Amino acid sequence: MNKEPKVRSVGKVLTANTANTLYTCPDNFVAKVILLIVSNQTASNKNVSIEWRDDSAAAQYHIVNSYVITSKTFLQIDGGYLVLNPGDTLILTPESGSTIDAVVTVEEQYSVSEI
């Protein structure tokens, strides 16, 4: 199997007032989130919450909670990274009445757990 990291982006038009799964780390991979962009297409300011769900710990962690994105602008998270293990997810919940798009770029590295 190729050991080089696979870099890919995933985008989604988010459903307002709903927890949207943007990305799930696949089995046998570790993913490094290197960029997350959340864009408010609405004509007014709207809130968005972003959380990481750690599958192995059955825990949820807020990255941002009810962050206000000004009309026709975006939130960009980069300059560091978050490591996701198999089954971990990024969940985004936009405010009701919003039109928000999100794009995440990850590096996926094949990894076999040692037993």
PDB file of N, CA and C in Angstrom:
ATOM      1  N   MET A   1       0.842  -1.185   0.000  1.00  0.00           N
ATOM      2  CA  MET A   1       0.000   0.000   0.000  1.00  0.00           C
ATOM      3  C   MET A   1       0.879   1.237   0.000  1.00  0.00           C
ATOM      4  N   ASN A   2       0.461   2.270  -0.699  1.00  0.00           N
ATOM      5  CA  ASN A   2       1.178   3.541  -0.758  1.00  0.00           C
ATOM      6  C   ASN A   2       1.209   4.191   0.627  1.00  0.00           C
ATOM      7  N   LYS A   3       2.395   4.540   1.092  1.00  0.00           N
ATOM      8  CA  LYS A   3       2.557   5.136   2.422  1.00  0.00           C
ATOM      9  C   LYS A   3       2.541   6.663   2.406  1.00  0.00           C
ATOM     10  N   GLU A   4       2.485   7.262   1.225  1.00  0.00           N
ATOM     11  CA  GLU A   4       2.444   8.715   1.125  1.00  0.00           C
ATOM     12  C   GLU A   4       1.072   9.227   1.585  1.00  0.00           C
ATOM     13  N   PRO A   5       1.048  10.359   2.306  1.00  0.00           N
ATOM     14  CA  PRO A   5      -0.245  10.917   2.720  1.00  0.00           C
ATOM     15  C   PRO A   5      -1.092  11.311   1.512  1.00  0.00           C
ATOM     16  N   LYS A   6      -2.379  11.129   1.651  1.00  0.00           N
ATOM     17  CA  LYS A   6      -3.325  11.536   0.619  1.00  0.00           C
ATOM     18  C   LYS A   6      -3.946  12.856   1.085  1.00  0.00           C
ATOM     19  N   VAL A   7      -3.835  13.890   0.276  1.00  0.00           N
ATOM     20  CA  VAL A   7      -4.403  15.195   0.614  1.00  0.00           C
ATOM     21  C   VAL A   7      -5.688  15.358  -0.172  1.00  0.00           C
ATOM     22  N   ARG A   8      -6.765  15.712   0.538  1.00  0.00           N
ATOM     23  CA  ARG A   8      -8.038  15.928  -0.156  1.00  0.00           C
ATOM     24  C   ARG A   8      -8.887  16.944   0.574  1.00  0.00           C
ATOM     25  N   SER A   9      -9.801  17.527  -0.166  1.00  0.00           N
ATOM     26  CA  SER A   9     -10.750  18.491   0.396  1.00  0.00           C
ATOM     27  C   SER A   9     -12.153  17.932   0.263  1.00  0.00           C
ATOM     28  N   VAL A  10     -12.968  18.258   1.252  1.00  0.00           N
ATOM     29  CA  VAL A  10     -14.366  17.839   1.273  1.00  0.00           C
ATOM     30  C   VAL A  10     -15.199  19.087   1.536  1.00  0.00           C
ATOM     31  N   GLY A  11     -16.236  19.293   0.732  1.00  0.00           N
ATOM     32  CA  GLY A  11     -17.097  20.455   0.918  1.00  0.00           C
ATOM     33  C   GLY A  11     -18.542  20.049   1.088  1.00  0.00           C
ATOM     34  N   LYS A  12     -19.303  20.941   1.715  1.00  0.00           N
ATOM     35  CA  LYS A  12     -20.721  20.650   1.935  1.00  0.00           C
ATOM     36  C   LYS A  12     -21.489  21.955   2.122  1.00  0.00           C
ATOM     37  N   VAL A  13     -22.684  22.009   1.530  1.00  0.00           N
ATOM     38  CA  VAL A  13     -23.641  23.071   1.837  1.00  0.00           C
ATOM     39  C   VAL A  13     -24.379  22.573   3.077  1.00  0.00           C
ATOM     40  N   LEU A  14     -24.245  23.311   4.172  1.00  0.00           N
ATOM     41  CA  LEU A  14     -24.785  22.850   5.452  1.00  0.00           C
ATOM     42  C   LEU A  14     -26.287  23.093   5.566  1.00  0.00           C
ATOM     43  N   THR A  15     -26.959  22.175   6.213  1.00  0.00           N
ATOM     44  CA  THR A  15     -28.381  22.331   6.508  1.00  0.00           C
ATOM     45  C   THR A  15     -28.509  23.167   7.779  1.00  0.00           C
ATOM     46  N   ALA A  16     -29.272  24.263   7.694  1.00  0.00           N
ATOM     47  CA  ALA A  16     -29.424  25.182   8.823  1.00  0.00           C
ATOM     48  C   ALA A  16     -30.069  24.496  10.022  1.00  0.00           C
ATOM     49  N   ASN A  17     -29.630  24.901  11.214  1.00  0.00           N
ATOM     50  CA  ASN A  17     -30.184  24.437  12.484  1.00  0.00           C
ATOM     51  C   ASN A  17     -30.101  22.915  12.640  1.00  0.00           C
ATOM     52  N   THR A  18     -29.072  22.303  12.040  1.00  0.00           N
ATOM     53  CA  THR A  18     -28.875  20.852  12.087  1.00  0.00           C
ATOM     54  C   THR A  18     -27.395  20.561  12.286  1.00  0.00           C
ATOM     55  N   ALA A  19     -27.086  19.533  13.053  1.00  0.00           N
ATOM     56  CA  ALA A  19     -25.700  19.084  13.194  1.00  0.00           C
ATOM     57  C   ALA A  19     -25.313  18.357  11.907  1.00  0.00           C
ATOM     58  N   ASN A  20     -24.388  18.937  11.142  1.00  0.00           N
ATOM     59  CA  ASN A  20     -23.943  18.404   9.856  1.00  0.00           C
ATOM     60  C   ASN A  20     -22.572  17.758  10.004  1.00  0.00           C
ATOM     61  N   THR A  21     -22.443  16.507   9.593  1.00  0.00           N
ATOM     62  CA  THR A  21     -21.132  15.868   9.578  1.00  0.00           C
ATOM     63  C   THR A  21     -20.415  16.308   8.309  1.00  0.00           C
ATOM     64  N   LEU A  22     -19.322  17.037   8.482  1.00  0.00           N
ATOM     65  CA  LEU A  22     -18.540  17.497   7.338  1.00  0.00           C
ATOM     66  C   LEU A  22     -17.515  16.449   6.925  1.00  0.00           C
ATOM     67  N   TYR A  23     -16.891  15.801   7.920  1.00  0.00           N
ATOM     68  CA  TYR A  23     -15.823  14.845   7.611  1.00  0.00           C
ATOM     69  C   TYR A  23     -15.775  13.766   8.683  1.00  0.00           C
ATOM     70  N   THR A  24     -15.578  12.536   8.243  1.00  0.00           N
ATOM     71  CA  THR A  24     -15.340  11.407   9.137  1.00  0.00           C
ATOM     72  C   THR A  24     -14.033  10.743   8.721  1.00  0.00           C
ATOM     73  N   CYS A  25     -13.124  10.579   9.670  1.00  0.00           N
ATOM     74  CA  CYS A  25     -11.850   9.929   9.372  1.00  0.00           C
ATOM     75  C   CYS A  25     -12.112   8.451   9.076  1.00  0.00           C
ATOM     76  N   PRO A  26     -11.625   7.961   7.927  1.00  0.00           N
ATOM     77  CA  PRO A  26     -11.899   6.571   7.549  1.00  0.00           C
ATOM     78  C   PRO A  26     -11.101   5.560   8.384  1.00  0.00           C
ATOM     79  N   ASP A  27     -11.569   4.319   8.381  1.00  0.00           N
ATOM     80  CA  ASP A  27     -10.860   3.229   9.048  1.00  0.00           C
ATOM     81  C   ASP A  27      -9.453   3.116   8.480  1.00  0.00           C
ATOM     82  N   ASN A  28      -8.531   2.733   9.330  1.00  0.00           N
ATOM     83  CA  ASN A  28      -7.121   2.507   8.972  1.00  0.00           C
ATOM     84  C   ASN A  28      -6.379   3.769   8.526  1.00  0.00           C
ATOM     85  N   PHE A  29      -6.892   4.931   8.888  1.00  0.00           N
ATOM     86  CA  PHE A  29      -6.214   6.183   8.560  1.00  0.00           C
ATOM     87  C   PHE A  29      -6.181   7.096   9.781  1.00  0.00           C
ATOM     88  N   VAL A  30      -5.204   7.980   9.791  1.00  0.00           N
ATOM     89  CA  VAL A  30      -5.148   9.105  10.709  1.00  0.00           C
ATOM     90  C   VAL A  30      -5.187  10.333   9.818  1.00  0.00           C
ATOM     91  N   ALA A  31      -6.020  11.301  10.169  1.00  0.00           N
ATOM     92  CA  ALA A  31      -6.181  12.487   9.326  1.00  0.00           C
ATOM     93  C   ALA A  31      -5.732  13.734  10.069  1.00  0.00           C
ATOM     94  N   LYS A  32      -4.980  14.561   9.369  1.00  0.00           N
ATOM     95  CA  LYS A  32      -4.551  15.842   9.902  1.00  0.00           C
ATOM     96  C   LYS A  32      -5.385  16.912   9.208  1.00  0.00           C
ATOM     97  N   VAL A  33      -6.201  17.621   9.987  1.00  0.00           N
ATOM     98  CA  VAL A  33      -7.002  18.723   9.441  1.00  0.00           C
ATOM     99  C   VAL A  33      -6.073  19.924   9.325  1.00  0.00           C
ATOM    100  N   ILE A  34      -5.854  20.385   8.083  1.00  0.00           N
ATOM    101  CA  ILE A  34      -4.919  21.485   7.882  1.00  0.00           C
ATOM    102  C   ILE A  34      -5.609  22.804   7.515  1.00  0.00           C
ATOM    103  N   LEU A  35      -6.870  22.725   7.094  1.00  0.00           N
ATOM    104  CA  LEU A  35      -7.599  23.941   6.730  1.00  0.00           C
ATOM    105  C   LEU A  35      -9.096  23.694   6.860  1.00  0.00           C
ATOM    106  N   LEU A  36      -9.793  24.659   7.448  1.00  0.00           N
ATOM    107  CA  LEU A  36     -11.254  24.618   7.530  1.00  0.00           C
ATOM    108  C   LEU A  36     -11.762  26.011   7.200  1.00  0.00           C
ATOM    109  N   ILE A  37     -12.641  26.095   6.195  1.00  0.00           N
ATOM    110  CA  ILE A  37     -13.250  27.364   5.808  1.00  0.00           C
ATOM    111  C   ILE A  37     -14.760  27.218   5.918  1.00  0.00           C
ATOM    112  N   VAL A  38     -15.382  28.168   6.607  1.00  0.00           N
ATOM    113  CA  VAL A  38     -16.835  28.191   6.760  1.00  0.00           C
ATOM    114  C   VAL A  38     -17.308  29.536   6.221  1.00  0.00           C
ATOM    115  N   SER A  39     -18.169  29.505   5.204  1.00  0.00           N
ATOM    116  CA  SER A  39     -18.565  30.704   4.471  1.00  0.00           C
ATOM    117  C   SER A  39     -20.052  31.006   4.667  1.00  0.00           C
ATOM    118  N   ASN A  40     -20.345  32.225   5.086  1.00  0.00           N
ATOM    119  CA  ASN A  40     -21.731  32.662   5.283  1.00  0.00           C
ATOM    120  C   ASN A  40     -22.235  33.322   4.004  1.00  0.00           C
ATOM    121  N   GLN A  41     -23.147  32.665   3.308  1.00  0.00           N
ATOM    122  CA  GLN A  41     -23.721  33.189   2.068  1.00  0.00           C
ATOM    123  C   GLN A  41     -24.969  34.036   2.322  1.00  0.00           C
ATOM    124  N   THR A  42     -25.394  34.093   3.573  1.00  0.00           N
ATOM    125  CA  THR A  42     -26.621  34.785   3.954  1.00  0.00           C
ATOM    126  C   THR A  42     -26.417  36.303   3.958  1.00  0.00           C
ATOM    127  N   ALA A  43     -27.502  37.057   3.771  1.00  0.00           N
ATOM    128  CA  ALA A  43     -27.446  38.524   3.740  1.00  0.00           C
ATOM    129  C   ALA A  43     -27.402  39.145   5.135  1.00  0.00           C
ATOM    130  N   SER A  44     -27.259  38.317   6.171  1.00  0.00           N
ATOM    131  CA  SER A  44     -27.136  38.827   7.543  1.00  0.00           C
ATOM    132  C   SER A  44     -26.120  37.972   8.307  1.00  0.00           C
ATOM    133  N   ASN A  45     -25.699  38.484   9.454  1.00  0.00           N
ATOM    134  CA  ASN A  45     -24.753  37.745  10.277  1.00  0.00           C
ATOM    135  C   ASN A  45     -25.404  36.458  10.781  1.00  0.00           C
ATOM    136  N   LYS A  46     -24.623  35.370  10.812  1.00  0.00           N
ATOM    137  CA  LYS A  46     -25.142  34.080  11.288  1.00  0.00           C
ATOM    138  C   LYS A  46     -24.090  33.391  12.149  1.00  0.00           C
ATOM    139  N   ASN A  47     -24.564  32.603  13.108  1.00  0.00           N
ATOM    140  CA  ASN A  47     -23.692  31.852  14.005  1.00  0.00           C
ATOM    141  C   ASN A  47     -23.452  30.448  13.479  1.00  0.00           C
ATOM    142  N   VAL A  48     -22.284  29.899  13.833  1.00  0.00           N
ATOM    143  CA  VAL A  48     -21.986  28.507  13.534  1.00  0.00           C
ATOM    144  C   VAL A  48     -21.198  27.928  14.715  1.00  0.00           C
ATOM    145  N   SER A  49     -21.462  26.682  15.012  1.00  0.00           N
ATOM    146  CA  SER A  49     -20.691  25.951  16.018  1.00  0.00           C
ATOM    147  C   SER A  49     -19.961  24.816  15.315  1.00  0.00           C
ATOM    148  N   ILE A  50     -18.721  24.564  15.760  1.00  0.00           N
ATOM    149  CA  ILE A  50     -17.898  23.508  15.178  1.00  0.00           C
ATOM    150  C   ILE A  50     -17.405  22.632  16.315  1.00  0.00           C
ATOM    151  N   GLU A  51     -17.573  21.326  16.158  1.00  0.00           N
ATOM    152  CA  GLU A  51     -17.081  20.426  17.199  1.00  0.00           C
ATOM    153  C   GLU A  51     -16.376  19.220  16.613  1.00  0.00           C
ATOM    154  N   TRP A  52     -15.505  18.663  17.417  1.00  0.00           N
ATOM    155  CA  TRP A  52     -14.794  17.437  17.092  1.00  0.00           C
ATOM    156  C   TRP A  52     -15.388  16.354  17.978  1.00  0.00           C
ATOM    157  N   ARG A  53     -15.821  15.276  17.363  1.00  0.00           N
ATOM    158  CA  ARG A  53     -16.318  14.122  18.116  1.00  0.00           C
ATOM    159  C   ARG A  53     -15.249  13.039  18.078  1.00  0.00           C
ATOM    160  N   ASP A  54     -14.694  12.750  19.248  1.00  0.00           N
ATOM    161  CA  ASP A  54     -13.648  11.747  19.416  1.00  0.00           C
ATOM    162  C   ASP A  54     -14.322  10.400  19.621  1.00  0.00           C
ATOM    163  N   ASP A  55     -14.307   9.573  18.582  1.00  0.00           N
ATOM    164  CA  ASP A  55     -15.014   8.300  18.593  1.00  0.00           C
ATOM    165  C   ASP A  55     -14.502   7.358  19.679  1.00  0.00           C
ATOM    166  N   SER A  56     -13.186   7.263  19.852  1.00  0.00           N
ATOM    167  CA  SER A  56     -12.617   6.311  20.809  1.00  0.00           C
ATOM    168  C   SER A  56     -12.940   6.680  22.254  1.00  0.00           C
ATOM    169  N   ALA A  57     -13.091   7.955  22.547  1.00  0.00           N
ATOM    170  CA  ALA A  57     -13.399   8.402  23.907  1.00  0.00           C
ATOM    171  C   ALA A  57     -14.891   8.678  24.106  1.00  0.00           C
ATOM    172  N   ALA A  58     -15.679   8.553  23.032  1.00  0.00           N
ATOM    173  CA  ALA A  58     -17.105   8.888  23.083  1.00  0.00           C
ATOM    174  C   ALA A  58     -17.304  10.272  23.706  1.00  0.00           C
ATOM    175  N   ALA A  59     -16.500  11.241  23.216  1.00  0.00           N
ATOM    176  CA  ALA A  59     -16.541  12.600  23.761  1.00  0.00           C
ATOM    177  C   ALA A  59     -16.671  13.610  22.632  1.00  0.00           C
ATOM    178  N   GLN A  60     -17.191  14.799  22.981  1.00  0.00           N
ATOM    179  CA  GLN A  60     -17.341  15.898  22.029  1.00  0.00           C
ATOM    180  C   GLN A  60     -16.610  17.110  22.573  1.00  0.00           C
ATOM    181  N   TYR A  61     -15.925  17.822  21.686  1.00  0.00           N
ATOM    182  CA  TYR A  61     -15.176  19.011  22.079  1.00  0.00           C
ATOM    183  C   TYR A  61     -15.518  20.146  21.130  1.00  0.00           C
ATOM    184  N   HIS A  62     -15.919  21.296  21.693  1.00  0.00           N
ATOM    185  CA  HIS A  62     -16.230  22.461  20.866  1.00  0.00           C
ATOM    186  C   HIS A  62     -14.941  23.133  20.419  1.00  0.00           C
ATOM    187  N   ILE A  63     -14.824  23.338  19.131  1.00  0.00           N
ATOM    188  CA  ILE A  63     -13.712  24.113  18.578  1.00  0.00           C
ATOM    189  C   ILE A  63     -14.103  25.582  18.615  1.00  0.00           C
ATOM    190  N   VAL A  64     -15.314  25.876  18.148  1.00  0.00           N
ATOM    191  CA  VAL A  64     -15.919  27.200  18.324  1.00  0.00           C
ATOM    192  C   VAL A  64     -17.393  26.973  18.669  1.00  0.00           C
ATOM    193  N   ASN A  65     -17.933  27.870  19.485  1.00  0.00           N
ATOM    194  CA  ASN A  65     -19.328  27.736  19.910  1.00  0.00           C
ATOM    195  C   ASN A  65     -20.066  29.025  19.575  1.00  0.00           C
ATOM    196  N   SER A  66     -21.038  28.930  18.697  1.00  0.00           N
ATOM    197  CA  SER A  66     -21.853  30.081  18.278  1.00  0.00           C
ATOM    198  C   SER A  66     -20.996  31.249  17.798  1.00  0.00           C
ATOM    199  N   TYR A  67     -20.059  30.960  16.914  1.00  0.00           N
ATOM    200  CA  TYR A  67     -19.195  31.982  16.348  1.00  0.00           C
ATOM    201  C   TYR A  67     -19.969  32.773  15.297  1.00  0.00           C
ATOM    202  N   VAL A  68     -19.925  34.102  15.388  1.00  0.00           N
ATOM    203  CA  VAL A  68     -20.641  34.956  14.443  1.00  0.00           C
ATOM    204  C   VAL A  68     -19.795  35.157  13.190  1.00  0.00           C
ATOM    205  N   ILE A  69     -20.369  34.768  12.035  1.00  0.00           N
ATOM    206  CA  ILE A  69     -19.739  35.039  10.747  1.00  0.00           C
ATOM    207  C   ILE A  69     -20.550  36.138  10.084  1.00  0.00           C
ATOM    208  N   THR A  70     -19.898  37.238   9.805  1.00  0.00           N
ATOM    209  CA  THR A  70     -20.551  38.383   9.186  1.00  0.00           C
ATOM    210  C   THR A  70     -21.077  38.006   7.803  1.00  0.00           C
ATOM    211  N   SER A  71     -22.137  38.667   7.386  1.00  0.00           N
ATOM    212  CA  SER A  71     -22.740  38.431   6.071  1.00  0.00           C
ATOM    213  C   SER A  71     -21.700  38.462   4.958  1.00  0.00           C
ATOM    214  N   LYS A  72     -21.771  37.441   4.095  1.00  0.00           N
ATOM    215  CA  LYS A  72     -20.935  37.342   2.897  1.00  0.00           C
ATOM    216  C   LYS A  72     -19.431  37.267   3.200  1.00  0.00           C
ATOM    217  N   THR A  73     -19.069  36.788   4.410  1.00  0.00           N
ATOM    218  CA  THR A  73     -17.657  36.600   4.747  1.00  0.00           C
ATOM    219  C   THR A  73     -17.453  35.162   5.203  1.00  0.00           C
ATOM    220  N   PHE A  74     -16.262  34.880   5.729  1.00  0.00           N
ATOM    221  CA  PHE A  74     -15.945  33.508   6.092  1.00  0.00           C
ATOM    222  C   PHE A  74     -15.071  33.442   7.332  1.00  0.00           C
ATOM    223  N   LEU A  75     -15.066  32.287   7.943  1.00  0.00           N
ATOM    224  CA  LEU A  75     -14.171  31.939   9.041  1.00  0.00           C
ATOM    225  C   LEU A  75     -13.157  30.967   8.470  1.00  0.00           C
ATOM    226  N   GLN A  76     -11.871  31.250   8.676  1.00  0.00           N
ATOM    227  CA  GLN A  76     -10.820  30.357   8.208  1.00  0.00           C
ATOM    228  C   GLN A  76     -10.001  29.902   9.407  1.00  0.00           C
ATOM    229  N   ILE A  77      -9.868  28.579   9.563  1.00  0.00           N
ATOM    230  CA  ILE A  77      -9.059  28.016  10.631  1.00  0.00           C
ATOM    231  C   ILE A  77      -7.896  27.277   9.978  1.00  0.00           C
ATOM    232  N   ASP A  78      -6.697  27.789  10.218  1.00  0.00           N
ATOM    233  CA  ASP A  78      -5.483  27.177   9.680  1.00  0.00           C
ATOM    234  C   ASP A  78      -4.311  27.579  10.580  1.00  0.00           C
ATOM    235  N   GLY A  79      -3.102  27.283  10.149  1.00  0.00           N
ATOM    236  CA  GLY A  79      -1.934  27.685  10.923  1.00  0.00           C
ATOM    237  C   GLY A  79      -1.556  26.685  11.998  1.00  0.00           C
ATOM    238  N   GLY A  80      -2.315  25.653  12.159  1.00  0.00           N
ATOM    239  CA  GLY A  80      -2.067  24.560  13.089  1.00  0.00           C
ATOM    240  C   GLY A  80      -2.822  23.378  12.534  1.00  0.00           C
ATOM    241  N   TYR A  81      -2.988  22.355  13.302  1.00  0.00           N
ATOM    242  CA  TYR A  81      -3.787  21.243  12.806  1.00  0.00           C
ATOM    243  C   TYR A  81      -4.395  20.447  13.950  1.00  0.00           C
ATOM    244  N   LEU A  82      -5.419  19.702  13.616  1.00  0.00           N
ATOM    245  CA  LEU A  82      -6.115  18.806  14.524  1.00  0.00           C
ATOM    246  C   LEU A  82      -5.955  17.409  13.950  1.00  0.00           C
ATOM    247  N   VAL A  83      -5.593  16.440  14.785  1.00  0.00           N
ATOM    248  CA  VAL A  83      -5.414  15.062  14.321  1.00  0.00           C
ATOM    249  C   VAL A  83      -6.658  14.256  14.664  1.00  0.00           C
ATOM    250  N   LEU A  84      -7.221  13.609  13.649  1.00  0.00           N
ATOM    251  CA  LEU A  84      -8.404  12.773  13.823  1.00  0.00           C
ATOM    252  C   LEU A  84      -8.015  11.310  13.631  1.00  0.00           C
ATOM    253  N   ASN A  85      -8.562  10.461  14.470  1.00  0.00           N
ATOM    254  CA  ASN A  85      -8.356   9.018  14.371  1.00  0.00           C
ATOM    255  C   ASN A  85      -9.578   8.380  13.732  1.00  0.00           C
ATOM    256  N   PRO A  86      -9.472   7.099  13.336  1.00  0.00           N
ATOM    257  CA  PRO A  86     -10.604   6.449  12.665  1.00  0.00           C
ATOM    258  C   PRO A  86     -11.926   6.626  13.426  1.00  0.00           C
ATOM    259  N   GLY A  87     -12.947   7.074  12.697  1.00  0.00           N
ATOM    260  CA  GLY A  87     -14.271   7.264  13.275  1.00  0.00           C
ATOM    261  C   GLY A  87     -14.512   8.642  13.852  1.00  0.00           C
ATOM    262  N   ASP A  88     -13.461   9.433  14.069  1.00  0.00           N
ATOM    263  CA  ASP A  88     -13.631  10.798  14.565  1.00  0.00           C
ATOM    264  C   ASP A  88     -14.311  11.643  13.484  1.00  0.00           C
ATOM    265  N   THR A  89     -15.113  12.612  13.915  1.00  0.00           N
ATOM    266  CA  THR A  89     -15.846  13.442  12.960  1.00  0.00           C
ATOM    267  C   THR A  89     -15.726  14.929  13.283  1.00  0.00           C
ATOM    268  N   LEU A  90     -15.888  15.739  12.252  1.00  0.00           N
ATOM    269  CA  LEU A  90     -16.061  17.179  12.399  1.00  0.00           C
ATOM    270  C   LEU A  90     -17.528  17.473  12.138  1.00  0.00           C
ATOM    271  N   ILE A  91     -18.170  18.128  13.102  1.00  0.00           N
ATOM    272  CA  ILE A  91     -19.600  18.428  13.037  1.00  0.00           C
ATOM    273  C   ILE A  91     -19.777  19.947  13.059  1.00  0.00           C
ATOM    274  N   LEU A  92     -20.556  20.481  12.116  1.00  0.00           N
ATOM    275  CA  LEU A  92     -20.848  21.905  12.078  1.00  0.00           C
ATOM    276  C   LEU A  92     -22.352  22.114  12.188  1.00  0.00           C
ATOM    277  N   THR A  93     -22.738  23.055  13.041  1.00  0.00           N
ATOM    278  CA  THR A  93     -24.153  23.363  13.243  1.00  0.00           C
ATOM    279  C   THR A  93     -24.375  24.854  13.008  1.00  0.00           C
ATOM    280  N   PRO A  94     -24.965  25.208  11.856  1.00  0.00           N
ATOM    281  CA  PRO A  94     -25.248  26.621  11.584  1.00  0.00           C
ATOM    282  C   PRO A  94     -26.597  27.044  12.169  1.00  0.00           C
ATOM    283  N   GLU A  95     -26.718  28.321  12.392  1.00  0.00           N
ATOM    284  CA  GLU A  95     -27.942  28.923  12.912  1.00  0.00           C
ATOM    285  C   GLU A  95     -29.099  28.721  11.938  1.00  0.00           C
ATOM    286  N   SER A  96     -30.317  28.703  12.471  1.00  0.00           N
ATOM    287  CA  SER A  96     -31.489  28.577  11.600  1.00  0.00           C
ATOM    288  C   SER A  96     -31.564  29.786  10.667  1.00  0.00           C
ATOM    289  N   GLY A  97     -32.095  29.558   9.465  1.00  0.00           N
ATOM    290  CA  GLY A  97     -32.234  30.618   8.479  1.00  0.00           C
ATOM    291  C   GLY A  97     -30.942  30.993   7.771  1.00  0.00           C
ATOM    292  N   SER A  98     -29.908  30.188   7.950  1.00  0.00           N
ATOM    293  CA  SER A  98     -28.621  30.515   7.331  1.00  0.00           C
ATOM    294  C   SER A  98     -28.370  29.682   6.079  1.00  0.00           C
ATOM    295  N   THR A  99     -27.504  30.208   5.231  1.00  0.00           N
ATOM    296  CA  THR A  99     -26.971  29.470   4.090  1.00  0.00           C
ATOM    297  C   THR A  99     -25.463  29.504   4.263  1.00  0.00           C
ATOM    298  N   ILE A 100     -24.920  28.399   4.743  1.00  0.00           N
ATOM    299  CA  ILE A 100     -23.498  28.329   5.070  1.00  0.00           C
ATOM    300  C   ILE A 100     -22.879  27.126   4.378  1.00  0.00           C
ATOM    301  N   ASP A 101     -21.725  27.357   3.751  1.00  0.00           N
ATOM    302  CA  ASP A 101     -20.933  26.308   3.119  1.00  0.00           C
ATOM    303  C   ASP A 101     -19.696  26.074   3.968  1.00  0.00           C
ATOM    304  N   ALA A 102     -19.161  24.842   3.918  1.00  0.00           N
ATOM    305  CA  ALA A 102     -17.931  24.537   4.649  1.00  0.00           C
ATOM    306  C   ALA A 102     -17.048  23.645   3.789  1.00  0.00           C
ATOM    307  N   VAL A 103     -15.740  23.872   3.897  1.00  0.00           N
ATOM    308  CA  VAL A 103     -14.750  23.070   3.192  1.00  0.00           C
ATOM    309  C   VAL A 103     -13.639  22.738   4.178  1.00  0.00           C
ATOM    310  N   VAL A 104     -13.261  21.466   4.223  1.00  0.00           N
ATOM    311  CA  VAL A 104     -12.141  21.042   5.052  1.00  0.00           C
ATOM    312  C   VAL A 104     -11.108  20.364   4.158  1.00  0.00           C
ATOM    313  N   THR A 105      -9.835  20.640   4.418  1.00  0.00           N
ATOM    314  CA  THR A 105      -8.743  19.975   3.719  1.00  0.00           C
ATOM    315  C   THR A 105      -7.980  19.154   4.748  1.00  0.00           C
ATOM    316  N   VAL A 106      -7.768  17.880   4.413  1.00  0.00           N
ATOM    317  CA  VAL A 106      -7.091  16.962   5.326  1.00  0.00           C
ATOM    318  C   VAL A 106      -5.963  16.225   4.612  1.00  0.00           C
ATOM    319  N   GLU A 107      -4.993  15.772   5.399  1.00  0.00           N
ATOM    320  CA  GLU A 107      -3.978  14.830   4.953  1.00  0.00           C
ATOM    321  C   GLU A 107      -4.312  13.513   5.624  1.00  0.00           C
ATOM    322  N   GLU A 108      -4.587  12.491   4.840  1.00  0.00           N
ATOM    323  CA  GLU A 108      -4.899  11.178   5.388  1.00  0.00           C
ATOM    324  C   GLU A 108      -3.672  10.278   5.252  1.00  0.00           C
ATOM    325  N   GLN A 109      -3.237   9.725   6.370  1.00  0.00           N
ATOM    326  CA  GLN A 109      -2.071   8.841   6.383  1.00  0.00           C
ATOM    327  C   GLN A 109      -2.529   7.438   6.766  1.00  0.00           C
ATOM    328  N   TYR A 110      -2.188   6.458   5.925  1.00  0.00           N
ATOM    329  CA  TYR A 110      -2.546   5.072   6.225  1.00  0.00           C
ATOM    330  C   TYR A 110      -1.866   4.646   7.518  1.00  0.00           C
ATOM    331  N   SER A 111      -2.621   4.018   8.401  1.00  0.00           N
ATOM    332  CA  SER A 111      -2.091   3.610   9.697  1.00  0.00           C
ATOM    333  C   SER A 111      -2.778   2.326  10.139  1.00  0.00           C
ATOM    334  N   VAL A 112      -1.983   1.341  10.494  1.00  0.00           N
ATOM    335  CA  VAL A 112      -2.528   0.089  11.013  1.00  0.00           C
ATOM    336  C   VAL A 112      -2.252   0.055  12.505  1.00  0.00           C
ATOM    337  N   SER A 113      -3.302  -0.153  13.312  1.00  0.00           N
ATOM    338  CA  SER A 113      -3.092  -0.212  14.750  1.00  0.00           C
ATOM    339  C   SER A 113      -2.294  -1.458  15.125  1.00  0.00           C
ATOM    340  N   GLU A 114      -1.459  -1.268  16.091  1.00  0.00           N
ATOM    341  CA  GLU A 114      -0.646  -2.384  16.585  1.00  0.00           C
ATOM    342  C   GLU A 114      -1.367  -3.042  17.733  1.00  0.00           C
ATOM    343  N   ILE A 115      -1.451  -4.359  17.679  1.00  0.00           N
ATOM    344  CA  ILE A 115      -2.156  -5.090  18.741  1.00  0.00           C
ATOM    345  C   ILE A 115      -1.157  -5.892  19.531  1.00  0.00           C
TER     346      ILE A 115
END
